[in-house]
Amino acid sequence: MLDQEQDKSPRSIFDIVDDSESSSGHIEQHPLTMNPTSLNAFDIISLSPAFDLSSLFKKDKSCRSDARFTTQNSASTIVSRLEEVA
């Protein structure tokens, strides 16, 4: 069995850290942990690459706006009514 004076292995993790700091002469400072940021639903959605919400806020002048509707009438009835109005 080895005598403690012959055994140079560290006894705890603190011995390892202390040994590495003393051998380099430089104490490494770790940054403080960051606090969690408060995010709302819009922030979370905008972080996802699958959801591109930019089209909701950018007005593209070259893009025309479309209107859609549903009806029970035939297409010829709708076209004739539009011709009457025009």
PDB file of N, CA and C in Angstrom:
ATOM      1  N   MET A   1       0.840  -1.177   0.000  1.00  0.00           N
ATOM      2  CA  MET A   1       0.000   0.000   0.000  1.00  0.00           C
ATOM      3  C   MET A   1       0.886   1.242   0.000  1.00  0.00           C
ATOM      4  N   LEU A   2       0.453   2.239  -0.740  1.00  0.00           N
ATOM      5  CA  LEU A   2       1.253   3.451  -0.862  1.00  0.00           C
ATOM      6  C   LEU A   2       1.089   4.347   0.344  1.00  0.00           C
ATOM      7  N   ASP A   3       2.156   4.944   0.714  1.00  0.00           N
ATOM      8  CA  ASP A   3       2.134   5.920   1.788  1.00  0.00           C
ATOM      9  C   ASP A   3       1.580   7.223   1.231  1.00  0.00           C
ATOM     10  N   GLN A   4       0.855   8.007   2.023  1.00  0.00           N
ATOM     11  CA  GLN A   4       0.263   9.248   1.533  1.00  0.00           C
ATOM     12  C   GLN A   4       1.311  10.239   1.069  1.00  0.00           C
ATOM     13  N   GLU A   5       2.511  10.174   1.603  1.00  0.00           N
ATOM     14  CA  GLU A   5       3.558  11.094   1.167  1.00  0.00           C
ATOM     15  C   GLU A   5       4.054  10.717  -0.216  1.00  0.00           C
ATOM     16  N   GLN A   6       4.038   9.427  -0.566  1.00  0.00           N
ATOM     17  CA  GLN A   6       4.471   8.999  -1.885  1.00  0.00           C
ATOM     18  C   GLN A   6       3.374   9.207  -2.921  1.00  0.00           C
ATOM     19  N   ASP A   7       2.134   9.076  -2.513  1.00  0.00           N
ATOM     20  CA  ASP A   7       1.006   9.217  -3.428  1.00  0.00           C
ATOM     21  C   ASP A   7       0.752  10.698  -3.674  1.00  0.00           C
ATOM     22  N   LYS A   8       0.974  11.135  -4.912  1.00  0.00           N
ATOM     23  CA  LYS A   8       0.815  12.550  -5.259  1.00  0.00           C
ATOM     24  C   LYS A   8      -0.533  12.839  -5.926  1.00  0.00           C
ATOM     25  N   SER A   9      -1.412  11.854  -6.019  1.00  0.00           N
ATOM     26  CA  SER A   9      -2.696  12.086  -6.679  1.00  0.00           C
ATOM     27  C   SER A   9      -3.588  12.963  -5.798  1.00  0.00           C
ATOM     28  N   PRO A  10      -4.363  13.833  -6.412  1.00  0.00           N
ATOM     29  CA  PRO A  10      -5.230  14.721  -5.629  1.00  0.00           C
ATOM     30  C   PRO A  10      -6.336  13.934  -4.931  1.00  0.00           C
ATOM     31  N   ARG A  11      -6.765  14.442  -3.823  1.00  0.00           N
ATOM     32  CA  ARG A  11      -7.771  13.761  -3.022  1.00  0.00           C
ATOM     33  C   ARG A  11      -9.195  14.236  -3.328  1.00  0.00           C
ATOM     34  N   SER A  12      -9.356  15.394  -3.918  1.00  0.00           N
ATOM     35  CA  SER A  12     -10.701  15.891  -4.228  1.00  0.00           C
ATOM     36  C   SER A  12     -10.646  16.743  -5.487  1.00  0.00           C
ATOM     37  N   ILE A  13     -11.790  17.071  -6.005  1.00  0.00           N
ATOM     38  CA  ILE A  13     -11.865  17.923  -7.191  1.00  0.00           C
ATOM     39  C   ILE A  13     -11.296  19.307  -6.903  1.00  0.00           C
ATOM     40  N   PHE A  14     -11.431  19.757  -5.668  1.00  0.00           N
ATOM     41  CA  PHE A  14     -10.892  21.068  -5.307  1.00  0.00           C
ATOM     42  C   PHE A  14      -9.369  21.074  -5.379  1.00  0.00           C
ATOM     43  N   ASP A  15      -8.747  19.931  -5.044  1.00  0.00           N
ATOM     44  CA  ASP A  15      -7.297  19.832  -5.172  1.00  0.00           C
ATOM     45  C   ASP A  15      -6.878  19.937  -6.633  1.00  0.00           C
ATOM     46  N   ILE A  16      -7.648  19.339  -7.526  1.00  0.00           N
ATOM     47  CA  ILE A  16      -7.334  19.402  -8.954  1.00  0.00           C
ATOM     48  C   ILE A  16      -7.447  20.833  -9.457  1.00  0.00           C
ATOM     49  N   VAL A  17      -8.511  21.517  -9.089  1.00  0.00           N
ATOM     50  CA  VAL A  17      -8.715  22.902  -9.522  1.00  0.00           C
ATOM     51  C   VAL A  17      -7.638  23.799  -8.945  1.00  0.00           C
ATOM     52  N   ASP A  18      -7.354  23.646  -7.664  1.00  0.00           N
ATOM     53  CA  ASP A  18      -6.315  24.463  -7.038  1.00  0.00           C
ATOM     54  C   ASP A  18      -4.966  24.216  -7.687  1.00  0.00           C
ATOM     55  N   ASP A  19      -4.675  22.966  -8.016  1.00  0.00           N
ATOM     56  CA  ASP A  19      -3.403  22.621  -8.637  1.00  0.00           C
ATOM     57  C   ASP A  19      -3.289  23.238 -10.026  1.00  0.00           C
ATOM     58  N   SER A  20      -4.360  23.199 -10.813  1.00  0.00           N
ATOM     59  CA  SER A  20      -4.295  23.756 -12.171  1.00  0.00           C
ATOM     60  C   SER A  20      -4.161  25.276 -12.134  1.00  0.00           C
ATOM     61  N   GLU A  21      -4.797  25.926 -11.168  1.00  0.00           N
ATOM     62  CA  GLU A  21      -4.691  27.382 -11.061  1.00  0.00           C
ATOM     63  C   GLU A  21      -3.302  27.804 -10.610  1.00  0.00           C
ATOM     64  N   SER A  22      -2.726  27.045  -9.696  1.00  0.00           N
ATOM     65  CA  SER A  22      -1.411  27.430  -9.189  1.00  0.00           C
ATOM     66  C   SER A  22      -0.317  27.145 -10.207  1.00  0.00           C
ATOM     67  N   SER A  23      -0.484  26.120 -11.042  1.00  0.00           N
ATOM     68  CA  SER A  23       0.560  25.804 -12.012  1.00  0.00           C
ATOM     69  C   SER A  23       0.585  26.805 -13.159  1.00  0.00           C
ATOM     70  N   SER A  24      -0.556  27.309 -13.557  1.00  0.00           N
ATOM     71  CA  SER A  24      -0.576  28.263 -14.669  1.00  0.00           C
ATOM     72  C   SER A  24      -0.372  29.697 -14.184  1.00  0.00           C
ATOM     73  N   GLY A  25      -0.638  29.947 -12.933  1.00  0.00           N
ATOM     74  CA  GLY A  25      -0.510  31.299 -12.399  1.00  0.00           C
ATOM     75  C   GLY A  25      -1.656  32.200 -12.826  1.00  0.00           C
ATOM     76  N   HIS A  26      -2.598  31.636 -13.538  1.00  0.00           N
ATOM     77  CA  HIS A  26      -3.730  32.410 -14.036  1.00  0.00           C
ATOM     78  C   HIS A  26      -5.013  31.791 -13.497  1.00  0.00           C
ATOM     79  N   ILE A  27      -5.804  32.606 -12.853  1.00  0.00           N
ATOM     80  CA  ILE A  27      -7.078  32.128 -12.334  1.00  0.00           C
ATOM     81  C   ILE A  27      -8.139  32.441 -13.374  1.00  0.00           C
ATOM     82  N   GLU A  28      -8.789  31.407 -13.844  1.00  0.00           N
ATOM     83  CA  GLU A  28      -9.804  31.576 -14.880  1.00  0.00           C
ATOM     84  C   GLU A  28     -11.109  32.023 -14.242  1.00  0.00           C
ATOM     85  N   GLN A  29     -11.641  33.119 -14.735  1.00  0.00           N
ATOM     86  CA  GLN A  29     -12.902  33.621 -14.215  1.00  0.00           C
ATOM     87  C   GLN A  29     -14.015  33.209 -15.164  1.00  0.00           C
ATOM     88  N   HIS A  30     -15.018  32.596 -14.623  1.00  0.00           N
ATOM     89  CA  HIS A  30     -16.157  32.177 -15.426  1.00  0.00           C
ATOM     90  C   HIS A  30     -17.216  33.275 -15.388  1.00  0.00           C
ATOM     91  N   PRO A  31     -17.845  33.548 -16.525  1.00  0.00           N
ATOM     92  CA  PRO A  31     -18.894  34.573 -16.519  1.00  0.00           C
ATOM     93  C   PRO A  31     -20.071  34.118 -15.666  1.00  0.00           C
ATOM     94  N   LEU A  32     -20.772  35.092 -15.138  1.00  0.00           N
ATOM     95  CA  LEU A  32     -21.943  34.782 -14.338  1.00  0.00           C
ATOM     96  C   LEU A  32     -23.009  34.167 -15.226  1.00  0.00           C
ATOM     97  N   THR A  33     -23.797  33.313 -14.643  1.00  0.00           N
ATOM     98  CA  THR A  33     -24.873  32.717 -15.428  1.00  0.00           C
ATOM     99  C   THR A  33     -25.890  33.790 -15.782  1.00  0.00           C
ATOM    100  N   MET A  34     -26.412  33.687 -16.987  1.00  0.00           N
ATOM    101  CA  MET A  34     -27.371  34.677 -17.452  1.00  0.00           C
ATOM    102  C   MET A  34     -28.743  34.349 -16.893  1.00  0.00           C
ATOM    103  N   ASN A  35     -29.472  35.379 -16.543  1.00  0.00           N
ATOM    104  CA  ASN A  35     -30.833  35.195 -16.077  1.00  0.00           C
ATOM    105  C   ASN A  35     -31.731  34.916 -17.273  1.00  0.00           C
ATOM    106  N   PRO A  36     -32.784  34.141 -17.095  1.00  0.00           N
ATOM    107  CA  PRO A  36     -33.689  33.885 -18.214  1.00  0.00           C
ATOM    108  C   PRO A  36     -34.372  35.176 -18.652  1.00  0.00           C
ATOM    109  N   THR A  37     -34.525  35.303 -19.951  1.00  0.00           N
ATOM    110  CA  THR A  37     -35.153  36.484 -20.515  1.00  0.00           C
ATOM    111  C   THR A  37     -36.650  36.255 -20.592  1.00  0.00           C
ATOM    112  N   SER A  38     -37.392  37.305 -20.362  1.00  0.00           N
ATOM    113  CA  SER A  38     -38.838  37.218 -20.468  1.00  0.00           C
ATOM    114  C   SER A  38     -39.231  37.318 -21.934  1.00  0.00           C
ATOM    115  N   LEU A  39     -39.869  36.285 -22.453  1.00  0.00           N
ATOM    116  CA  LEU A  39     -40.283  36.254 -23.850  1.00  0.00           C
ATOM    117  C   LEU A  39     -41.795  36.106 -23.926  1.00  0.00           C
ATOM    118  N   ASN A  40     -42.391  36.863 -24.849  1.00  0.00           N
ATOM    119  CA  ASN A  40     -43.813  36.661 -25.087  1.00  0.00           C
ATOM    120  C   ASN A  40     -43.989  35.692 -26.250  1.00  0.00           C
ATOM    121  N   ALA A  41     -45.227  35.372 -26.592  1.00  0.00           N
ATOM    122  CA  ALA A  41     -45.496  34.381 -27.642  1.00  0.00           C
ATOM    123  C   ALA A  41     -44.927  34.826 -28.980  1.00  0.00           C
ATOM    124  N   PHE A  42     -45.027  36.108 -29.295  1.00  0.00           N
ATOM    125  CA  PHE A  42     -44.503  36.602 -30.568  1.00  0.00           C
ATOM    126  C   PHE A  42     -42.992  36.404 -30.643  1.00  0.00           C
ATOM    127  N   ASP A  43     -42.286  36.664 -29.562  1.00  0.00           N
ATOM    128  CA  ASP A  43     -40.831  36.468 -29.538  1.00  0.00           C
ATOM    129  C   ASP A  43     -40.470  35.007 -29.781  1.00  0.00           C
ATOM    130  N   ILE A  44     -41.187  34.113 -29.154  1.00  0.00           N
ATOM    131  CA  ILE A  44     -40.896  32.689 -29.300  1.00  0.00           C
ATOM    132  C   ILE A  44     -41.156  32.235 -30.732  1.00  0.00           C
ATOM    133  N   ILE A  45     -42.270  32.685 -31.317  1.00  0.00           N
ATOM    134  CA  ILE A  45     -42.587  32.313 -32.699  1.00  0.00           C
ATOM    135  C   ILE A  45     -41.555  32.888 -33.652  1.00  0.00           C
ATOM    136  N   SER A  46     -41.126  34.121 -33.424  1.00  0.00           N
ATOM    137  CA  SER A  46     -40.177  34.747 -34.342  1.00  0.00           C
ATOM    138  C   SER A  46     -38.794  34.101 -34.271  1.00  0.00           C
ATOM    139  N   LEU A  47     -38.482  33.396 -33.193  1.00  0.00           N
ATOM    140  CA  LEU A  47     -37.205  32.693 -33.088  1.00  0.00           C
ATOM    141  C   LEU A  47     -37.193  31.402 -33.901  1.00  0.00           C
ATOM    142  N   SER A  48     -38.361  30.907 -34.253  1.00  0.00           N
ATOM    143  CA  SER A  48     -38.439  29.656 -34.999  1.00  0.00           C
ATOM    144  C   SER A  48     -38.211  29.907 -36.478  1.00  0.00           C
ATOM    145  N   PRO A  49     -37.271  29.188 -37.094  1.00  0.00           N
ATOM    146  CA  PRO A  49     -37.018  29.400 -38.523  1.00  0.00           C
ATOM    147  C   PRO A  49     -38.161  28.910 -39.406  1.00  0.00           C
ATOM    148  N   ALA A  50     -39.046  28.080 -38.878  1.00  0.00           N
ATOM    149  CA  ALA A  50     -40.152  27.558 -39.678  1.00  0.00           C
ATOM    150  C   ALA A  50     -41.244  28.598 -39.901  1.00  0.00           C
ATOM    151  N   PHE A  51     -41.325  29.592 -39.037  1.00  0.00           N
ATOM    152  CA  PHE A  51     -42.359  30.611 -39.146  1.00  0.00           C
ATOM    153  C   PHE A  51     -41.747  31.915 -39.611  1.00  0.00           C
ATOM    154  N   ASP A  52     -42.085  32.320 -40.828  1.00  0.00           N
ATOM    155  CA  ASP A  52     -41.609  33.593 -41.360  1.00  0.00           C
ATOM    156  C   ASP A  52     -42.756  34.593 -41.260  1.00  0.00           C
ATOM    157  N   LEU A  53     -42.677  35.479 -40.282  1.00  0.00           N
ATOM    158  CA  LEU A  53     -43.744  36.443 -40.053  1.00  0.00           C
ATOM    159  C   LEU A  53     -43.479  37.788 -40.706  1.00  0.00           C
ATOM    160  N   SER A  54     -42.407  37.902 -41.458  1.00  0.00           N
ATOM    161  CA  SER A  54     -42.051  39.198 -42.035  1.00  0.00           C
ATOM    162  C   SER A  54     -43.094  39.690 -43.025  1.00  0.00           C
ATOM    163  N   SER A  55     -43.791  38.779 -43.680  1.00  0.00           N
ATOM    164  CA  SER A  55     -44.802  39.210 -44.651  1.00  0.00           C
ATOM    165  C   SER A  55     -45.984  39.902 -43.984  1.00  0.00           C
ATOM    166  N   LEU A  56     -46.153  39.714 -42.702  1.00  0.00           N
ATOM    167  CA  LEU A  56     -47.239  40.390 -42.004  1.00  0.00           C
ATOM    168  C   LEU A  56     -46.965  41.871 -41.807  1.00  0.00           C
ATOM    169  N   PHE A  57     -45.706  42.269 -41.852  1.00  0.00           N
ATOM    170  CA  PHE A  57     -45.343  43.634 -41.522  1.00  0.00           C
ATOM    171  C   PHE A  57     -44.780  44.421 -42.689  1.00  0.00           C
ATOM    172  N   LYS A  58     -44.339  43.756 -43.737  1.00  0.00           N
ATOM    173  CA  LYS A  58     -43.763  44.443 -44.888  1.00  0.00           C
ATOM    174  C   LYS A  58     -44.826  44.607 -45.958  1.00  0.00           C
ATOM    175  N   LYS A  59     -44.980  45.826 -46.427  1.00  0.00           N
ATOM    176  CA  LYS A  59     -45.923  46.107 -47.499  1.00  0.00           C
ATOM    177  C   LYS A  59     -45.165  46.105 -48.813  1.00  0.00           C
ATOM    178  N   ASP A  60     -45.444  45.130 -49.656  1.00  0.00           N
ATOM    179  CA  ASP A  60     -44.806  45.029 -50.961  1.00  0.00           C
ATOM    180  C   ASP A  60     -45.724  45.681 -51.984  1.00  0.00           C
ATOM    181  N   LYS A  61     -45.257  46.749 -52.602  1.00  0.00           N
ATOM    182  CA  LYS A  61     -46.074  47.506 -53.547  1.00  0.00           C
ATOM    183  C   LYS A  61     -46.343  46.719 -54.822  1.00  0.00           C
ATOM    184  N   SER A  62     -45.454  45.809 -55.191  1.00  0.00           N
ATOM    185  CA  SER A  62     -45.634  45.057 -56.428  1.00  0.00           C
ATOM    186  C   SER A  62     -46.633  43.911 -56.265  1.00  0.00           C
ATOM    187  N   CYS A  63     -47.012  43.620 -55.061  1.00  0.00           N
ATOM    188  CA  CYS A  63     -47.924  42.516 -54.795  1.00  0.00           C
ATOM    189  C   CYS A  63     -49.350  43.045 -54.726  1.00  0.00           C
ATOM    190  N   ARG A  64     -50.256  42.456 -55.493  1.00  0.00           N
ATOM    191  CA  ARG A  64     -51.642  42.913 -55.456  1.00  0.00           C
ATOM    192  C   ARG A  64     -52.392  42.155 -54.378  1.00  0.00           C
ATOM    193  N   SER A  65     -53.391  42.785 -53.838  1.00  0.00           N
ATOM    194  CA  SER A  65     -54.182  42.116 -52.816  1.00  0.00           C
ATOM    195  C   SER A  65     -55.354  41.409 -53.486  1.00  0.00           C
ATOM    196  N   ASP A  66     -55.637  40.224 -53.068  1.00  0.00           N
ATOM    197  CA  ASP A  66     -56.729  39.434 -53.617  1.00  0.00           C
ATOM    198  C   ASP A  66     -57.868  39.388 -52.618  1.00  0.00           C
ATOM    199  N   ALA A  67     -59.067  39.287 -53.149  1.00  0.00           N
ATOM    200  CA  ALA A  67     -60.246  39.112 -52.312  1.00  0.00           C
ATOM    201  C   ALA A  67     -60.919  37.813 -52.722  1.00  0.00           C
ATOM    202  N   ARG A  68     -61.332  37.047 -51.758  1.00  0.00           N
ATOM    203  CA  ARG A  68     -62.003  35.780 -52.039  1.00  0.00           C
ATOM    204  C   ARG A  68     -63.355  35.766 -51.349  1.00  0.00           C
ATOM    205  N   PHE A  69     -64.267  35.084 -51.952  1.00  0.00           N
ATOM    206  CA  PHE A  69     -65.585  34.939 -51.358  1.00  0.00           C
ATOM    207  C   PHE A  69     -66.179  33.606 -51.796  1.00  0.00           C
ATOM    208  N   THR A  70     -67.222  33.204 -51.116  1.00  0.00           N
ATOM    209  CA  THR A  70     -67.944  31.989 -51.494  1.00  0.00           C
ATOM    210  C   THR A  70     -69.383  32.357 -51.805  1.00  0.00           C
ATOM    211  N   THR A  71     -69.987  31.587 -52.690  1.00  0.00           N
ATOM    212  CA  THR A  71     -71.378  31.831 -53.068  1.00  0.00           C
ATOM    213  C   THR A  71     -72.017  30.528 -53.516  1.00  0.00           C
ATOM    214  N   GLN A  72     -73.324  30.526 -53.495  1.00  0.00           N
ATOM    215  CA  GLN A  72     -74.058  29.363 -53.992  1.00  0.00           C
ATOM    216  C   GLN A  72     -74.501  29.574 -55.437  1.00  0.00           C
ATOM    217  N   ASN A  73     -74.281  30.781 -55.983  1.00  0.00           N
ATOM    218  CA  ASN A  73     -74.661  31.083 -57.365  1.00  0.00           C
ATOM    219  C   ASN A  73     -73.608  30.552 -58.328  1.00  0.00           C
ATOM    220  N   SER A  74     -73.991  30.414 -59.570  1.00  0.00           N
ATOM    221  CA  SER A  74     -73.057  29.944 -60.596  1.00  0.00           C
ATOM    222  C   SER A  74     -72.111  31.069 -60.992  1.00  0.00           C
ATOM    223  N   ALA A  75     -71.021  30.708 -61.636  1.00  0.00           N
ATOM    224  CA  ALA A  75     -70.031  31.698 -62.064  1.00  0.00           C
ATOM    225  C   ALA A  75     -70.626  32.658 -63.076  1.00  0.00           C
ATOM    226  N   SER A  76     -71.481  32.165 -63.988  1.00  0.00           N
ATOM    227  CA  SER A  76     -72.084  33.051 -64.998  1.00  0.00           C
ATOM    228  C   SER A  76     -73.000  34.088 -64.356  1.00  0.00           C
ATOM    229  N   THR A  77     -73.702  33.726 -63.291  1.00  0.00           N
ATOM    230  CA  THR A  77     -74.559  34.681 -62.583  1.00  0.00           C
ATOM    231  C   THR A  77     -73.710  35.772 -61.938  1.00  0.00           C
ATOM    232  N   ILE A  78     -72.624  35.398 -61.336  1.00  0.00           N
ATOM    233  CA  ILE A  78     -71.738  36.374 -60.686  1.00  0.00           C
ATOM    234  C   ILE A  78     -71.141  37.306 -61.728  1.00  0.00           C
ATOM    235  N   VAL A  79     -70.674  36.771 -62.852  1.00  0.00           N
ATOM    236  CA  VAL A  79     -70.066  37.595 -63.898  1.00  0.00           C
ATOM    237  C   VAL A  79     -71.095  38.564 -64.465  1.00  0.00           C
ATOM    238  N   SER A  80     -72.325  38.109 -64.681  1.00  0.00           N
ATOM    239  CA  SER A  80     -73.352  39.009 -65.224  1.00  0.00           C
ATOM    240  C   SER A  80     -73.680  40.125 -64.243  1.00  0.00           C
ATOM    241  N   ARG A  81     -73.696  39.825 -62.959  1.00  0.00           N
ATOM    242  CA  ARG A  81     -73.960  40.879 -61.961  1.00  0.00           C
ATOM    243  C   ARG A  81     -72.812  41.880 -61.915  1.00  0.00           C
ATOM    244  N   LEU A  82     -71.585  41.408 -62.025  1.00  0.00           N
ATOM    245  CA  LEU A  82     -70.437  42.324 -62.041  1.00  0.00           C
ATOM    246  C   LEU A  82     -70.477  43.211 -63.284  1.00  0.00           C
ATOM    247  N   GLU A  83     -70.902  42.660 -64.404  1.00  0.00           N
ATOM    248  CA  GLU A  83     -71.017  43.464 -65.626  1.00  0.00           C
ATOM    249  C   GLU A  83     -72.098  44.524 -65.484  1.00  0.00           C
ATOM    250  N   GLU A  84     -73.179  44.211 -64.770  1.00  0.00           N
ATOM    251  CA  GLU A  84     -74.245  45.189 -64.537  1.00  0.00           C
ATOM    252  C   GLU A  84     -73.735  46.353 -63.691  1.00  0.00           C
ATOM    253  N   VAL A  85     -72.954  46.036 -62.675  1.00  0.00           N
ATOM    254  CA  VAL A  85     -72.441  47.072 -61.770  1.00  0.00           C
ATOM    255  C   VAL A  85     -71.413  47.939 -62.480  1.00  0.00           C
ATOM    256  N   ALA A  86     -70.609  47.349 -63.305  1.00  0.00           N
ATOM    257  CA  ALA A  86     -69.554  48.092 -63.998  1.00  0.00           C
ATOM    258  C   ALA A  86     -70.180  48.879 -65.096  1.00  0.00           C
TER     259      ALA A  86
END
